[in-house]
């Protein structure tokens, strides 16, 4: 079965990016190559983090990886005490569907 494994999220503050990496389950098919599933870009500001763009590679869409990535990012930012400005439409939808994150979101200027 394709896309079986563990999703690992890495954070690169220097790049202002979180990356979702799929580590295959060696018992599933024996291949051990990690693949980048997608990423979330942001801009860090003193009191908030502007979430600008979420990308999941086409072959990995529909597996819930984007939601796992956004949840990880929001939880990581919550731990810093900062708020988020969800410029990315996917993050906006995610927050509207998960009200436990609504208190973190600040309005996006129009």
N, C-alpha and C. Protein backbone atom coordinates (compact mmCIF):
# COMPACT_ATOMS: atom_id res chain seq x y z
N UNK A 1 0.85 -1.19 0.00
CA UNK A 1 0.00 0.00 0.00
C UNK A 1 0.89 1.24 0.00
N UNK A 2 0.59 2.20 -0.83
CA UNK A 2 1.38 3.43 -0.91
C UNK A 2 1.08 4.35 0.26
N UNK A 3 2.04 5.24 0.55
CA UNK A 3 1.88 6.28 1.56
C UNK A 3 1.68 5.73 2.96
N UNK A 4 2.23 4.55 3.25
CA UNK A 4 2.14 4.00 4.60
C UNK A 4 3.42 4.37 5.33
N UNK A 5 3.26 4.94 6.50
CA UNK A 5 4.43 5.31 7.28
C UNK A 5 4.05 6.30 8.35
N UNK A 6 5.05 7.01 8.82
CA UNK A 6 4.88 7.97 9.90
C UNK A 6 5.16 9.36 9.37
N UNK A 7 4.28 10.29 9.71
CA UNK A 7 4.49 11.67 9.31
C UNK A 7 5.30 12.36 10.40
N UNK A 8 6.39 12.97 9.97
CA UNK A 8 7.27 13.70 10.88
C UNK A 8 7.27 15.15 10.43
N UNK A 9 7.11 16.08 11.38
CA UNK A 9 7.10 17.50 11.07
C UNK A 9 8.41 18.10 11.59
N UNK A 10 9.09 18.84 10.72
CA UNK A 10 10.31 19.52 11.13
C UNK A 10 10.09 21.03 11.00
N UNK A 11 10.80 21.78 11.82
CA UNK A 11 10.66 23.23 11.81
C UNK A 11 12.02 23.84 11.51
N UNK A 12 12.04 24.72 10.53
CA UNK A 12 13.26 25.44 10.19
C UNK A 12 13.01 26.93 10.38
N UNK A 13 13.30 27.46 11.58
CA UNK A 13 13.09 28.89 11.82
C UNK A 13 13.84 29.78 10.84
N UNK A 14 15.03 29.39 10.42
CA UNK A 14 15.80 30.22 9.49
C UNK A 14 15.09 30.36 8.15
N UNK A 15 14.37 29.33 7.73
CA UNK A 15 13.62 29.38 6.47
C UNK A 15 12.18 29.83 6.68
N UNK A 16 11.76 29.97 7.94
CA UNK A 16 10.37 30.25 8.29
C UNK A 16 9.45 29.25 7.59
N UNK A 17 9.72 27.96 7.88
CA UNK A 17 8.98 26.89 7.23
C UNK A 17 8.89 25.67 8.14
N UNK A 18 7.73 25.04 8.10
CA UNK A 18 7.53 23.72 8.68
C UNK A 18 7.40 22.74 7.53
N UNK A 19 8.04 21.57 7.63
CA UNK A 19 7.96 20.57 6.57
C UNK A 19 7.39 19.27 7.13
N UNK A 20 6.51 18.66 6.34
CA UNK A 20 5.95 17.35 6.67
C UNK A 20 6.69 16.31 5.85
N UNK A 21 7.28 15.34 6.53
CA UNK A 21 8.10 14.32 5.88
C UNK A 21 7.53 12.95 6.24
N UNK A 22 7.31 12.14 5.21
CA UNK A 22 6.78 10.79 5.41
C UNK A 22 7.94 9.82 5.50
N UNK A 23 8.01 9.14 6.64
CA UNK A 23 9.01 8.10 6.85
C UNK A 23 8.29 6.76 6.66
N UNK A 24 8.62 6.02 5.62
CA UNK A 24 7.91 4.78 5.35
C UNK A 24 8.10 3.75 6.46
N UNK A 25 7.09 2.91 6.61
CA UNK A 25 7.15 1.78 7.53
C UNK A 25 7.95 0.67 6.83
N UNK A 26 9.13 0.32 7.35
CA UNK A 26 9.94 -0.69 6.66
C UNK A 26 9.22 -2.03 6.52
N UNK A 27 8.30 -2.34 7.42
CA UNK A 27 7.59 -3.61 7.34
C UNK A 27 6.57 -3.62 6.21
N UNK A 28 6.18 -2.43 5.73
CA UNK A 28 5.13 -2.36 4.71
C UNK A 28 5.63 -2.80 3.34
N UNK A 29 6.76 -2.26 2.89
CA UNK A 29 7.24 -2.64 1.55
C UNK A 29 8.76 -2.70 1.44
N UNK A 30 9.45 -2.42 2.54
CA UNK A 30 10.90 -2.53 2.53
C UNK A 30 11.65 -1.30 2.07
N UNK A 31 10.99 -0.35 1.43
CA UNK A 31 11.71 0.84 0.99
C UNK A 31 11.88 1.80 2.16
N UNK A 32 13.02 2.47 2.20
CA UNK A 32 13.30 3.31 3.35
C UNK A 32 13.50 4.78 3.03
N UNK A 33 13.13 5.22 1.84
CA UNK A 33 13.34 6.61 1.47
C UNK A 33 12.26 7.51 2.04
N UNK A 34 12.69 8.58 2.71
CA UNK A 34 11.75 9.58 3.19
C UNK A 34 11.33 10.47 2.03
N UNK A 35 10.11 10.96 2.11
CA UNK A 35 9.62 11.88 1.08
C UNK A 35 8.99 13.09 1.74
N UNK A 36 9.26 14.28 1.17
CA UNK A 36 8.59 15.47 1.68
C UNK A 36 7.17 15.46 1.14
N UNK A 37 6.22 15.49 2.06
CA UNK A 37 4.80 15.49 1.71
C UNK A 37 4.37 16.91 1.38
N UNK A 38 4.81 17.87 2.18
CA UNK A 38 4.41 19.25 1.97
C UNK A 38 5.07 20.16 2.99
N UNK A 39 4.62 21.42 2.97
CA UNK A 39 5.21 22.40 3.87
C UNK A 39 4.23 23.53 4.14
N UNK A 40 4.53 24.28 5.19
CA UNK A 40 3.77 25.47 5.54
C UNK A 40 4.78 26.60 5.76
N UNK A 41 4.62 27.67 4.99
CA UNK A 41 5.50 28.83 5.12
C UNK A 41 4.83 29.89 6.01
N UNK A 42 5.66 30.67 6.68
CA UNK A 42 5.15 31.70 7.58
C UNK A 42 6.12 32.86 7.65
N UNK A 43 5.65 33.95 8.24
CA UNK A 43 6.50 35.09 8.55
C UNK A 43 6.34 35.37 10.04
N UNK A 44 7.43 35.33 10.77
CA UNK A 44 7.38 35.55 12.21
C UNK A 44 7.49 37.05 12.50
N UNK A 45 6.57 37.53 13.30
CA UNK A 45 6.57 38.91 13.76
C UNK A 45 6.63 38.89 15.28
N UNK A 46 6.88 40.05 15.92
CA UNK A 46 7.07 40.04 17.37
C UNK A 46 5.92 39.42 18.18
N UNK A 47 4.67 39.67 17.80
CA UNK A 47 3.55 39.19 18.61
C UNK A 47 2.65 38.21 17.88
N UNK A 48 2.95 37.94 16.62
CA UNK A 48 2.12 37.01 15.86
C UNK A 48 2.95 36.33 14.79
N UNK A 49 2.36 35.27 14.23
CA UNK A 49 2.98 34.56 13.13
C UNK A 49 1.99 34.59 11.97
N UNK A 50 2.43 35.08 10.83
CA UNK A 50 1.59 35.16 9.64
C UNK A 50 1.78 33.86 8.86
N UNK A 51 0.72 33.06 8.80
CA UNK A 51 0.77 31.78 8.08
C UNK A 51 0.39 32.06 6.63
N UNK A 52 1.37 31.98 5.74
CA UNK A 52 1.18 32.48 4.38
C UNK A 52 0.79 31.43 3.35
N UNK A 53 1.25 30.19 3.50
CA UNK A 53 1.09 29.26 2.39
C UNK A 53 1.24 27.83 2.89
N UNK A 54 0.29 26.98 2.53
CA UNK A 54 0.38 25.55 2.84
C UNK A 54 0.36 24.79 1.52
N UNK A 55 1.30 23.87 1.36
CA UNK A 55 1.38 23.07 0.14
C UNK A 55 1.51 21.61 0.53
N UNK A 56 0.71 20.75 -0.12
CA UNK A 56 0.88 19.30 -0.03
C UNK A 56 1.02 18.80 -1.45
N UNK A 57 2.07 18.04 -1.70
CA UNK A 57 2.30 17.51 -3.05
C UNK A 57 1.10 16.67 -3.50
N UNK A 58 0.79 16.78 -4.77
CA UNK A 58 -0.43 16.19 -5.32
C UNK A 58 -0.59 14.70 -4.99
N UNK A 59 0.48 13.94 -5.09
CA UNK A 59 0.37 12.50 -4.84
C UNK A 59 0.05 12.17 -3.39
N UNK A 60 0.16 13.15 -2.50
CA UNK A 60 -0.14 12.92 -1.09
C UNK A 60 -1.46 13.57 -0.65
N UNK A 61 -2.14 14.26 -1.56
CA UNK A 61 -3.39 14.93 -1.17
C UNK A 61 -4.47 13.89 -0.87
N UNK A 62 -5.37 14.28 0.00
CA UNK A 62 -6.48 13.39 0.36
C UNK A 62 -6.17 12.40 1.46
N UNK A 63 -5.01 12.49 2.08
CA UNK A 63 -4.63 11.57 3.15
C UNK A 63 -4.64 12.23 4.52
N UNK A 64 -5.04 13.49 4.59
CA UNK A 64 -5.10 14.19 5.87
C UNK A 64 -3.79 14.80 6.32
N UNK A 65 -2.78 14.78 5.46
CA UNK A 65 -1.47 15.29 5.86
C UNK A 65 -1.49 16.80 6.08
N UNK A 66 -2.22 17.54 5.27
CA UNK A 66 -2.29 19.00 5.45
C UNK A 66 -2.87 19.34 6.81
N UNK A 67 -3.93 18.65 7.21
CA UNK A 67 -4.53 18.89 8.51
C UNK A 67 -3.58 18.57 9.65
N UNK A 68 -2.82 17.48 9.52
CA UNK A 68 -1.84 17.13 10.55
C UNK A 68 -0.75 18.19 10.65
N UNK A 69 -0.33 18.67 9.49
CA UNK A 69 0.71 19.71 9.46
C UNK A 69 0.22 20.99 10.11
N UNK A 70 -0.97 21.44 9.74
CA UNK A 70 -1.51 22.69 10.29
C UNK A 70 -1.74 22.56 11.79
N UNK A 71 -2.28 21.43 12.23
CA UNK A 71 -2.50 21.22 13.67
C UNK A 71 -1.17 21.31 14.43
N UNK A 72 -0.13 20.67 13.91
CA UNK A 72 1.18 20.71 14.56
C UNK A 72 1.69 22.15 14.65
N UNK A 73 1.58 22.88 13.53
CA UNK A 73 2.07 24.25 13.50
C UNK A 73 1.32 25.12 14.50
N UNK A 74 0.00 25.00 14.53
CA UNK A 74 -0.80 25.81 15.47
C UNK A 74 -0.46 25.46 16.92
N UNK A 75 -0.30 24.18 17.21
CA UNK A 75 0.07 23.79 18.57
C UNK A 75 1.46 24.32 18.94
N UNK A 76 2.39 24.28 17.99
CA UNK A 76 3.74 24.78 18.24
C UNK A 76 3.72 26.29 18.50
N UNK A 77 2.94 27.01 17.70
CA UNK A 77 2.86 28.47 17.88
C UNK A 77 2.14 28.81 19.19
N UNK A 78 1.10 28.05 19.53
CA UNK A 78 0.37 28.30 20.79
C UNK A 78 1.34 28.24 21.97
N UNK A 79 2.28 27.31 21.92
CA UNK A 79 3.24 27.15 23.02
C UNK A 79 4.12 28.39 23.19
N UNK A 80 4.27 29.20 22.15
CA UNK A 80 5.07 30.42 22.24
C UNK A 80 4.27 31.60 22.79
N UNK A 81 2.95 31.46 22.83
CA UNK A 81 2.09 32.54 23.29
C UNK A 81 1.73 33.54 22.21
N UNK A 82 2.19 33.31 20.99
CA UNK A 82 1.87 34.23 19.89
C UNK A 82 0.50 33.89 19.28
N UNK A 83 -0.04 34.88 18.59
CA UNK A 83 -1.25 34.67 17.82
C UNK A 83 -0.86 34.38 16.37
N UNK A 84 -1.85 33.96 15.57
CA UNK A 84 -1.59 33.70 14.17
C UNK A 84 -2.50 34.55 13.29
N UNK A 85 -1.96 34.96 12.16
CA UNK A 85 -2.75 35.62 11.13
C UNK A 85 -2.82 34.63 9.96
N UNK A 86 -3.96 33.98 9.78
CA UNK A 86 -4.06 32.94 8.75
C UNK A 86 -4.35 33.53 7.36
N UNK A 87 -3.30 33.96 6.68
CA UNK A 87 -3.44 34.46 5.31
C UNK A 87 -3.76 33.29 4.37
N UNK A 88 -3.19 32.14 4.64
CA UNK A 88 -3.42 30.93 3.84
C UNK A 88 -4.88 30.48 3.97
N UNK A 89 -5.55 30.28 2.84
CA UNK A 89 -6.97 29.89 2.86
C UNK A 89 -7.18 28.54 3.52
N UNK A 90 -6.24 27.61 3.38
CA UNK A 90 -6.39 26.30 4.01
C UNK A 90 -6.37 26.45 5.53
N UNK A 91 -5.46 27.26 6.04
CA UNK A 91 -5.38 27.48 7.49
C UNK A 91 -6.65 28.19 7.98
N UNK A 92 -7.16 29.12 7.21
CA UNK A 92 -8.43 29.79 7.58
C UNK A 92 -9.55 28.77 7.74
N UNK A 93 -9.69 27.87 6.75
CA UNK A 93 -10.73 26.83 6.82
C UNK A 93 -10.50 25.89 8.01
N UNK A 94 -9.24 25.52 8.22
CA UNK A 94 -8.92 24.62 9.32
C UNK A 94 -9.35 25.23 10.65
N UNK A 95 -9.01 26.50 10.86
CA UNK A 95 -9.38 27.16 12.12
C UNK A 95 -10.89 27.28 12.25
N UNK A 96 -11.60 27.55 11.16
CA UNK A 96 -13.07 27.65 11.24
C UNK A 96 -13.70 26.31 11.56
N UNK A 97 -13.05 25.21 11.17
CA UNK A 97 -13.56 23.86 11.45
C UNK A 97 -13.07 23.31 12.79
N UNK A 98 -12.12 23.97 13.40
CA UNK A 98 -11.55 23.52 14.68
C UNK A 98 -11.55 24.71 15.64
N UNK A 99 -12.68 24.99 16.26
CA UNK A 99 -12.81 26.20 17.08
C UNK A 99 -11.85 26.27 18.26
N UNK A 100 -11.21 25.18 18.60
CA UNK A 100 -10.23 25.22 19.70
C UNK A 100 -9.03 26.11 19.35
N UNK A 101 -8.89 26.46 18.07
CA UNK A 101 -7.80 27.34 17.65
C UNK A 101 -8.27 28.77 17.36
N UNK A 102 -9.57 29.03 17.46
CA UNK A 102 -10.12 30.35 17.10
C UNK A 102 -9.54 31.47 17.95
N UNK A 103 -9.21 31.19 19.20
CA UNK A 103 -8.68 32.23 20.08
C UNK A 103 -7.29 32.71 19.66
N UNK A 104 -6.62 31.94 18.82
CA UNK A 104 -5.27 32.30 18.37
C UNK A 104 -5.29 33.21 17.14
N UNK A 105 -6.39 33.19 16.40
CA UNK A 105 -6.43 33.84 15.10
C UNK A 105 -6.77 35.33 15.23
N UNK A 106 -6.03 36.14 14.50
CA UNK A 106 -6.34 37.57 14.38
C UNK A 106 -6.85 37.79 12.96
N UNK A 107 -7.70 38.80 12.78
CA UNK A 107 -8.26 39.03 11.44
C UNK A 107 -7.18 39.38 10.41
N UNK A 108 -7.41 38.90 9.20
CA UNK A 108 -6.53 39.21 8.09
C UNK A 108 -7.00 40.53 7.48
N UNK A 109 -6.13 41.53 7.38
CA UNK A 109 -6.55 42.81 6.78
C UNK A 109 -6.99 42.59 5.33
N UNK A 110 -8.04 43.28 4.96
CA UNK A 110 -8.57 43.15 3.59
C UNK A 110 -8.05 44.25 2.71
